[in-house]
Amino acid sequence: MKTEAKMKLDLPDDILFSAEASSQELRLALALQLYSDSRVNYADACKLAEVAPGLFDRELARRDISVIRFPSVNTWRERQRAG
């Protein structure tokens, strides 16, 4: 059985307030960046962002990020371990 770990992230309120950033926007931005960097797969990015695949696709298109990512997550991890 797979268990989920939760991470609490404390961010300065004044910066978030001036950026007018909601927690949902931050989740989406993080998911998009990790997906763009090939650090998470598509399904996990949607899960992290807490959005349906259709909405995630629209955000990818809006930000000119391809839905097809290379290299794979496993390749990225292997590169990180190597050095």
PDB file of N, CA and C in Angstrom:
ATOM      1  N   MET A   1       0.840  -1.187   0.000  1.00  0.00           N
ATOM      2  CA  MET A   1       0.000   0.000   0.000  1.00  0.00           C
ATOM      3  C   MET A   1       0.885   1.250   0.000  1.00  0.00           C
ATOM      4  N   LYS A   2       0.558   2.151  -0.858  1.00  0.00           N
ATOM      5  CA  LYS A   2       1.316   3.393  -0.991  1.00  0.00           C
ATOM      6  C   LYS A   2       0.738   4.435  -0.036  1.00  0.00           C
ATOM      7  N   THR A   3       1.600   5.064   0.747  1.00  0.00           N
ATOM      8  CA  THR A   3       1.150   6.131   1.634  1.00  0.00           C
ATOM      9  C   THR A   3       1.596   7.463   1.063  1.00  0.00           C
ATOM     10  N   GLU A   4       0.807   8.466   1.323  1.00  0.00           N
ATOM     11  CA  GLU A   4       1.137   9.800   0.833  1.00  0.00           C
ATOM     12  C   GLU A   4       1.766  10.616   1.946  1.00  0.00           C
ATOM     13  N   ALA A   5       2.852  11.263   1.625  1.00  0.00           N
ATOM     14  CA  ALA A   5       3.490  12.180   2.555  1.00  0.00           C
ATOM     15  C   ALA A   5       2.993  13.581   2.236  1.00  0.00           C
ATOM     16  N   LYS A   6       2.790  14.351   3.237  1.00  0.00           N
ATOM     17  CA  LYS A   6       2.364  15.742   3.062  1.00  0.00           C
ATOM     18  C   LYS A   6       3.517  16.655   3.443  1.00  0.00           C
ATOM     19  N   MET A   7       3.642  17.743   2.732  1.00  0.00           N
ATOM     20  CA  MET A   7       4.672  18.725   3.016  1.00  0.00           C
ATOM     21  C   MET A   7       4.000  20.046   3.347  1.00  0.00           C
ATOM     22  N   LYS A   8       4.434  20.637   4.421  1.00  0.00           N
ATOM     23  CA  LYS A   8       3.944  21.967   4.767  1.00  0.00           C
ATOM     24  C   LYS A   8       5.012  22.964   4.321  1.00  0.00           C
ATOM     25  N   LEU A   9       4.568  23.982   3.627  1.00  0.00           N
ATOM     26  CA  LEU A   9       5.482  24.981   3.093  1.00  0.00           C
ATOM     27  C   LEU A   9       5.048  26.347   3.604  1.00  0.00           C
ATOM     28  N   ASP A  10       5.911  26.993   4.352  1.00  0.00           N
ATOM     29  CA  ASP A  10       5.610  28.325   4.868  1.00  0.00           C
ATOM     30  C   ASP A  10       6.226  29.369   3.948  1.00  0.00           C
ATOM     31  N   LEU A  11       5.381  30.258   3.456  1.00  0.00           N
ATOM     32  CA  LEU A  11       5.822  31.314   2.554  1.00  0.00           C
ATOM     33  C   LEU A  11       5.434  32.666   3.140  1.00  0.00           C
ATOM     34  N   PRO A  12       6.232  33.686   2.893  1.00  0.00           N
ATOM     35  CA  PRO A  12       5.927  35.007   3.441  1.00  0.00           C
ATOM     36  C   PRO A  12       4.596  35.551   2.904  1.00  0.00           C
ATOM     37  N   ASP A  13       3.698  35.872   3.820  1.00  0.00           N
ATOM     38  CA  ASP A  13       2.384  36.379   3.433  1.00  0.00           C
ATOM     39  C   ASP A  13       2.463  37.652   2.606  1.00  0.00           C
ATOM     40  N   ASP A  14       3.396  38.538   2.947  1.00  0.00           N
ATOM     41  CA  ASP A  14       3.460  39.811   2.232  1.00  0.00           C
ATOM     42  C   ASP A  14       3.805  39.612   0.756  1.00  0.00           C
ATOM     43  N   ILE A  15       4.665  38.654   0.469  1.00  0.00           N
ATOM     44  CA  ILE A  15       5.026  38.391  -0.924  1.00  0.00           C
ATOM     45  C   ILE A  15       3.851  37.767  -1.661  1.00  0.00           C
ATOM     46  N   LEU A  16       3.195  36.797  -1.033  1.00  0.00           N
ATOM     47  CA  LEU A  16       2.034  36.167  -1.661  1.00  0.00           C
ATOM     48  C   LEU A  16       0.908  37.170  -1.856  1.00  0.00           C
ATOM     49  N   PHE A  17       0.729  38.056  -0.891  1.00  0.00           N
ATOM     50  CA  PHE A  17      -0.309  39.078  -1.000  1.00  0.00           C
ATOM     51  C   PHE A  17      -0.003  40.028  -2.155  1.00  0.00           C
ATOM     52  N   SER A  18       1.244  40.483  -2.251  1.00  0.00           N
ATOM     53  CA  SER A  18       1.591  41.418  -3.332  1.00  0.00           C
ATOM     54  C   SER A  18       1.538  40.730  -4.698  1.00  0.00           C
ATOM     55  N   ALA A  19       1.795  39.427  -4.730  1.00  0.00           N
ATOM     56  CA  ALA A  19       1.716  38.683  -5.989  1.00  0.00           C
ATOM     57  C   ALA A  19       0.283  38.269  -6.307  1.00  0.00           C
ATOM     58  N   GLU A  20      -0.613  38.494  -5.361  1.00  0.00           N
ATOM     59  CA  GLU A  20      -2.016  38.086  -5.501  1.00  0.00           C
ATOM     60  C   GLU A  20      -2.101  36.611  -5.885  1.00  0.00           C
ATOM     61  N   ALA A  21      -1.331  35.775  -5.163  1.00  0.00           N
ATOM     62  CA  ALA A  21      -1.252  34.348  -5.468  1.00  0.00           C
ATOM     63  C   ALA A  21      -2.061  33.534  -4.463  1.00  0.00           C
ATOM     64  N   SER A  22      -2.960  32.725  -4.978  1.00  0.00           N
ATOM     65  CA  SER A  22      -3.738  31.824  -4.126  1.00  0.00           C
ATOM     66  C   SER A  22      -3.000  30.494  -4.000  1.00  0.00           C
ATOM     67  N   SER A  23      -3.403  29.699  -3.036  1.00  0.00           N
ATOM     68  CA  SER A  23      -2.778  28.386  -2.875  1.00  0.00           C
ATOM     69  C   SER A  23      -3.015  27.522  -4.113  1.00  0.00           C
ATOM     70  N   GLN A  24      -4.177  27.656  -4.740  1.00  0.00           N
ATOM     71  CA  GLN A  24      -4.462  26.889  -5.956  1.00  0.00           C
ATOM     72  C   GLN A  24      -3.524  27.305  -7.092  1.00  0.00           C
ATOM     73  N   GLU A  25      -3.289  28.600  -7.232  1.00  0.00           N
ATOM     74  CA  GLU A  25      -2.363  29.077  -8.267  1.00  0.00           C
ATOM     75  C   GLU A  25      -0.952  28.558  -8.021  1.00  0.00           C
ATOM     76  N   LEU A  26      -0.545  28.532  -6.758  1.00  0.00           N
ATOM     77  CA  LEU A  26       0.791  28.040  -6.430  1.00  0.00           C
ATOM     78  C   LEU A  26       0.923  26.554  -6.725  1.00  0.00           C
ATOM     79  N   ARG A  27      -0.109  25.776  -6.393  1.00  0.00           N
ATOM     80  CA  ARG A  27      -0.093  24.338  -6.689  1.00  0.00           C
ATOM     81  C   ARG A  27       0.023  24.116  -8.202  1.00  0.00           C
ATOM     82  N   LEU A  28      -0.750  24.864  -8.961  1.00  0.00           N
ATOM     83  CA  LEU A  28      -0.726  24.727 -10.414  1.00  0.00           C
ATOM     84  C   LEU A  28       0.637  25.122 -10.975  1.00  0.00           C
ATOM     85  N   ALA A  29       1.177  26.234 -10.512  1.00  0.00           N
ATOM     86  CA  ALA A  29       2.482  26.695 -10.999  1.00  0.00           C
ATOM     87  C   ALA A  29       3.574  25.676 -10.685  1.00  0.00           C
ATOM     88  N   LEU A  30       3.534  25.117  -9.487  1.00  0.00           N
ATOM     89  CA  LEU A  30       4.518  24.110  -9.110  1.00  0.00           C
ATOM     90  C   LEU A  30       4.383  22.866  -9.982  1.00  0.00           C
ATOM     91  N   ALA A  31       3.159  22.406 -10.169  1.00  0.00           N
ATOM     92  CA  ALA A  31       2.924  21.220 -10.996  1.00  0.00           C
ATOM     93  C   ALA A  31       3.383  21.449 -12.432  1.00  0.00           C
ATOM     94  N   LEU A  32       3.074  22.611 -12.981  1.00  0.00           N
ATOM     95  CA  LEU A  32       3.497  22.925 -14.349  1.00  0.00           C
ATOM     96  C   LEU A  32       5.017  22.960 -14.472  1.00  0.00           C
ATOM     97  N   GLN A  33       5.678  23.551 -13.500  1.00  0.00           N
ATOM     98  CA  GLN A  33       7.137  23.633 -13.557  1.00  0.00           C
ATOM     99  C   GLN A  33       7.780  22.259 -13.418  1.00  0.00           C
ATOM    100  N   LEU A  34       7.306  21.463 -12.464  1.00  0.00           N
ATOM    101  CA  LEU A  34       7.862  20.118 -12.294  1.00  0.00           C
ATOM    102  C   LEU A  34       7.614  19.260 -13.527  1.00  0.00           C
ATOM    103  N   TYR A  35       6.442  19.413 -14.131  1.00  0.00           N
ATOM    104  CA  TYR A  35       6.133  18.679 -15.358  1.00  0.00           C
ATOM    105  C   TYR A  35       7.027  19.156 -16.504  1.00  0.00           C
ATOM    106  N   SER A  36       7.177  20.450 -16.633  1.00  0.00           N
ATOM    107  CA  SER A  36       8.018  21.025 -17.685  1.00  0.00           C
ATOM    108  C   SER A  36       9.468  20.558 -17.555  1.00  0.00           C
ATOM    109  N   ASP A  37       9.924  20.389 -16.323  1.00  0.00           N
ATOM    110  CA  ASP A  37      11.290  19.923 -16.058  1.00  0.00           C
ATOM    111  C   ASP A  37      11.418  18.399 -16.119  1.00  0.00           C
ATOM    112  N   SER A  38      10.327  17.712 -16.474  1.00  0.00           N
ATOM    113  CA  SER A  38      10.293  16.240 -16.540  1.00  0.00           C
ATOM    114  C   SER A  38      10.592  15.586 -15.196  1.00  0.00           C
ATOM    115  N   ARG A  39      10.180  16.242 -14.130  1.00  0.00           N
ATOM    116  CA  ARG A  39      10.408  15.693 -12.792  1.00  0.00           C
ATOM    117  C   ARG A  39       9.204  14.930 -12.275  1.00  0.00           C
ATOM    118  N   VAL A  40       8.037  15.161 -12.862  1.00  0.00           N
ATOM    119  CA  VAL A  40       6.834  14.379 -12.552  1.00  0.00           C
ATOM    120  C   VAL A  40       6.147  14.036 -13.859  1.00  0.00           C
ATOM    121  N   ASN A  41       5.382  12.953 -13.842  1.00  0.00           N
ATOM    122  CA  ASN A  41       4.645  12.587 -15.049  1.00  0.00           C
ATOM    123  C   ASN A  41       3.333  13.364 -15.113  1.00  0.00           C
ATOM    124  N   TYR A  42       2.633  13.191 -16.208  1.00  0.00           N
ATOM    125  CA  TYR A  42       1.404  13.950 -16.461  1.00  0.00           C
ATOM    126  C   TYR A  42       0.347  13.709 -15.380  1.00  0.00           C
ATOM    127  N   ALA A  43       0.106  12.444 -15.053  1.00  0.00           N
ATOM    128  CA  ALA A  43      -0.925  12.116 -14.062  1.00  0.00           C
ATOM    129  C   ALA A  43      -0.588  12.716 -12.703  1.00  0.00           C
ATOM    130  N   ASP A  44       0.674  12.626 -12.302  1.00  0.00           N
ATOM    131  CA  ASP A  44       1.075  13.185 -11.012  1.00  0.00           C
ATOM    132  C   ASP A  44       1.009  14.711 -11.014  1.00  0.00           C
ATOM    133  N   ALA A  45       1.308  15.326 -12.137  1.00  0.00           N
ATOM    134  CA  ALA A  45       1.212  16.785 -12.228  1.00  0.00           C
ATOM    135  C   ALA A  45      -0.237  17.237 -12.056  1.00  0.00           C
ATOM    136  N   CYS A  46      -1.165  16.535 -12.701  1.00  0.00           N
ATOM    137  CA  CYS A  46      -2.591  16.861 -12.543  1.00  0.00           C
ATOM    138  C   CYS A  46      -3.023  16.679 -11.096  1.00  0.00           C
ATOM    139  N   LYS A  47      -2.551  15.603 -10.484  1.00  0.00           N
ATOM    140  CA  LYS A  47      -2.894  15.322  -9.082  1.00  0.00           C
ATOM    141  C   LYS A  47      -2.334  16.408  -8.166  1.00  0.00           C
ATOM    142  N   LEU A  48      -1.078  16.774  -8.377  1.00  0.00           N
ATOM    143  CA  LEU A  48      -0.455  17.815  -7.564  1.00  0.00           C
ATOM    144  C   LEU A  48      -1.193  19.139  -7.713  1.00  0.00           C
ATOM    145  N   ALA A  49      -1.564  19.466  -8.926  1.00  0.00           N
ATOM    146  CA  ALA A  49      -2.268  20.725  -9.193  1.00  0.00           C
ATOM    147  C   ALA A  49      -3.721  20.687  -8.734  1.00  0.00           C
ATOM    148  N   GLU A  50      -4.227  19.476  -8.480  1.00  0.00           N
ATOM    149  CA  GLU A  50      -5.633  19.289  -8.104  1.00  0.00           C
ATOM    150  C   GLU A  50      -6.571  19.846  -9.169  1.00  0.00           C
ATOM    151  N   VAL A  51      -6.245  19.536 -10.432  1.00  0.00           N
ATOM    152  CA  VAL A  51      -7.084  19.960 -11.554  1.00  0.00           C
ATOM    153  C   VAL A  51      -7.330  18.773 -12.478  1.00  0.00           C
ATOM    154  N   ALA A  52      -8.396  18.862 -13.233  1.00  0.00           N
ATOM    155  CA  ALA A  52      -8.710  17.847 -14.236  1.00  0.00           C
ATOM    156  C   ALA A  52      -7.709  17.945 -15.385  1.00  0.00           C
ATOM    157  N   PRO A  53      -7.470  16.834 -16.073  1.00  0.00           N
ATOM    158  CA  PRO A  53      -6.526  16.859 -17.195  1.00  0.00           C
ATOM    159  C   PRO A  53      -6.836  17.933 -18.241  1.00  0.00           C
ATOM    160  N   GLY A  54      -8.100  18.174 -18.525  1.00  0.00           N
ATOM    161  CA  GLY A  54      -8.446  19.193 -19.514  1.00  0.00           C
ATOM    162  C   GLY A  54      -7.959  20.577 -19.120  1.00  0.00           C
ATOM    163  N   LEU A  55      -8.122  20.925 -17.851  1.00  0.00           N
ATOM    164  CA  LEU A  55      -7.650  22.223 -17.370  1.00  0.00           C
ATOM    165  C   LEU A  55      -6.125  22.274 -17.390  1.00  0.00           C
ATOM    166  N   PHE A  56      -5.491  21.177 -17.014  1.00  0.00           N
ATOM    167  CA  PHE A  56      -4.027  21.134 -17.050  1.00  0.00           C
ATOM    168  C   PHE A  56      -3.528  21.314 -18.481  1.00  0.00           C
ATOM    169  N   ASP A  57      -4.199  20.658 -19.432  1.00  0.00           N
ATOM    170  CA  ASP A  57      -3.844  20.813 -20.851  1.00  0.00           C
ATOM    171  C   ASP A  57      -3.964  22.263 -21.299  1.00  0.00           C
ATOM    172  N   ARG A  58      -5.029  22.933 -20.890  1.00  0.00           N
ATOM    173  CA  ARG A  58      -5.216  24.345 -21.265  1.00  0.00           C
ATOM    174  C   ARG A  58      -4.093  25.210 -20.699  1.00  0.00           C
ATOM    175  N   GLU A  59      -3.691  24.923 -19.460  1.00  0.00           N
ATOM    176  CA  GLU A  59      -2.599  25.699 -18.859  1.00  0.00           C
ATOM    177  C   GLU A  59      -1.272  25.413 -19.558  1.00  0.00           C
ATOM    178  N   LEU A  60      -1.050  24.163 -19.938  1.00  0.00           N
ATOM    179  CA  LEU A  60       0.159  23.838 -20.700  1.00  0.00           C
ATOM    180  C   LEU A  60       0.186  24.629 -22.004  1.00  0.00           C
ATOM    181  N   ALA A  61      -0.927  24.626 -22.717  1.00  0.00           N
ATOM    182  CA  ALA A  61      -1.008  25.343 -23.994  1.00  0.00           C
ATOM    183  C   ALA A  61      -0.835  26.844 -23.788  1.00  0.00           C
ATOM    184  N   ARG A  62      -1.474  27.384 -22.758  1.00  0.00           N
ATOM    185  CA  ARG A  62      -1.390  28.817 -22.486  1.00  0.00           C
ATOM    186  C   ARG A  62       0.053  29.247 -22.216  1.00  0.00           C
ATOM    187  N   ARG A  63       0.825  28.358 -21.600  1.00  0.00           N
ATOM    188  CA  ARG A  63       2.213  28.670 -21.254  1.00  0.00           C
ATOM    189  C   ARG A  63       3.209  28.127 -22.280  1.00  0.00           C
ATOM    190  N   ASP A  64       2.674  27.616 -23.389  1.00  0.00           N
ATOM    191  CA  ASP A  64       3.496  27.081 -24.479  1.00  0.00           C
ATOM    192  C   ASP A  64       4.428  25.965 -24.003  1.00  0.00           C
ATOM    193  N   ILE A  65       3.879  25.058 -23.188  1.00  0.00           N
ATOM    194  CA  ILE A  65       4.602  23.882 -22.708  1.00  0.00           C
ATOM    195  C   ILE A  65       4.012  22.672 -23.418  1.00  0.00           C
ATOM    196  N   SER A  66       4.859  21.875 -24.027  1.00  0.00           N
ATOM    197  CA  SER A  66       4.398  20.691 -24.748  1.00  0.00           C
ATOM    198  C   SER A  66       3.887  19.637 -23.775  1.00  0.00           C
ATOM    199  N   VAL A  67       2.826  18.951 -24.179  1.00  0.00           N
ATOM    200  CA  VAL A  67       2.298  17.872 -23.352  1.00  0.00           C
ATOM    201  C   VAL A  67       3.238  16.668 -23.394  1.00  0.00           C
ATOM    202  N   ILE A  68       4.064  16.567 -24.418  1.00  0.00           N
ATOM    203  CA  ILE A  68       5.034  15.481 -24.541  1.00  0.00           C
ATOM    204  C   ILE A  68       6.353  15.957 -23.951  1.00  0.00           C
ATOM    205  N   ARG A  69       6.845  15.244 -22.961  1.00  0.00           N
ATOM    206  CA  ARG A  69       8.053  15.655 -22.250  1.00  0.00           C
ATOM    207  C   ARG A  69       9.177  14.664 -22.484  1.00  0.00           C
ATOM    208  N   PHE A  70      10.359  15.172 -22.738  1.00  0.00           N
ATOM    209  CA  PHE A  70      11.565  14.353 -22.855  1.00  0.00           C
ATOM    210  C   PHE A  70      12.650  15.047 -22.065  1.00  0.00           C
ATOM    211  N   PRO A  71      13.507  14.391 -21.359  1.00  0.00           N
ATOM    212  CA  PRO A  71      13.570  12.962 -21.112  1.00  0.00           C
ATOM    213  C   PRO A  71      12.528  12.528 -20.089  1.00  0.00           C
ATOM    214  N   SER A  72      12.457  11.237 -19.874  1.00  0.00           N
ATOM    215  CA  SER A  72      11.492  10.700 -18.924  1.00  0.00           C
ATOM    216  C   SER A  72      11.903  11.050 -17.502  1.00  0.00           C
ATOM    217  N   VAL A  73      10.990  10.894 -16.575  1.00  0.00           N
ATOM    218  CA  VAL A  73      11.275  11.149 -15.162  1.00  0.00           C
ATOM    219  C   VAL A  73      12.416  10.255 -14.698  1.00  0.00           C
ATOM    220  N   ASN A  74      12.413   8.998 -15.096  1.00  0.00           N
ATOM    221  CA  ASN A  74      13.475   8.079 -14.683  1.00  0.00           C
ATOM    222  C   ASN A  74      14.834   8.517 -15.205  1.00  0.00           C
ATOM    223  N   THR A  75      14.889   9.016 -16.429  1.00  0.00           N
ATOM    224  CA  THR A  75      16.148   9.501 -16.988  1.00  0.00           C
ATOM    225  C   THR A  75      16.653  10.698 -16.196  1.00  0.00           C
ATOM    226  N   TRP A  76      15.758  11.592 -15.819  1.00  0.00           N
ATOM    227  CA  TRP A  76      16.154  12.763 -15.032  1.00  0.00           C
ATOM    228  C   TRP A  76      16.733  12.322 -13.699  1.00  0.00           C
ATOM    229  N   ARG A  77      16.078  11.366 -13.037  1.00  0.00           N
ATOM    230  CA  ARG A  77      16.565  10.880 -11.737  1.00  0.00           C
ATOM    231  C   ARG A  77      17.933  10.222 -11.886  1.00  0.00           C
ATOM    232  N   GLU A  78      18.128   9.461 -12.940  1.00  0.00           N
ATOM    233  CA  GLU A  78      19.421   8.819 -13.169  1.00  0.00           C
ATOM    234  C   GLU A  78      20.511   9.868 -13.362  1.00  0.00           C
ATOM    235  N   ARG A  79      20.212  10.917 -14.067  1.00  0.00           N
ATOM    236  CA  ARG A  79      21.192  11.997 -14.261  1.00  0.00           C
ATOM    237  C   ARG A  79      21.533  12.667 -12.937  1.00  0.00           C
ATOM    238  N   GLN A  80      20.534  12.854 -12.087  1.00  0.00           N
ATOM    239  CA  GLN A  80      20.772  13.480 -10.792  1.00  0.00           C
ATOM    240  C   GLN A  80      21.670  12.604  -9.921  1.00  0.00           C
ATOM    241  N   ARG A  81      21.442  11.307  -9.932  1.00  0.00           N
ATOM    242  CA  ARG A  81      22.267  10.388  -9.141  1.00  0.00           C
ATOM    243  C   ARG A  81      23.703  10.349  -9.658  1.00  0.00           C
ATOM    244  N   ALA A  82      23.859  10.479 -10.965  1.00  0.00           N
ATOM    245  CA  ALA A  82      25.182  10.382 -11.577  1.00  0.00           C
ATOM    246  C   ALA A  82      26.056  11.596 -11.282  1.00  0.00           C
ATOM    247  N   GLY A  83      25.418  12.677 -10.983  1.00  0.00           N
ATOM    248  CA  GLY A  83      26.318  13.727 -10.708  1.00  0.00           C
ATOM    249  C   GLY A  83      25.973  15.094 -10.743  1.00  0.00           C
TER     250      GLY A  83
END
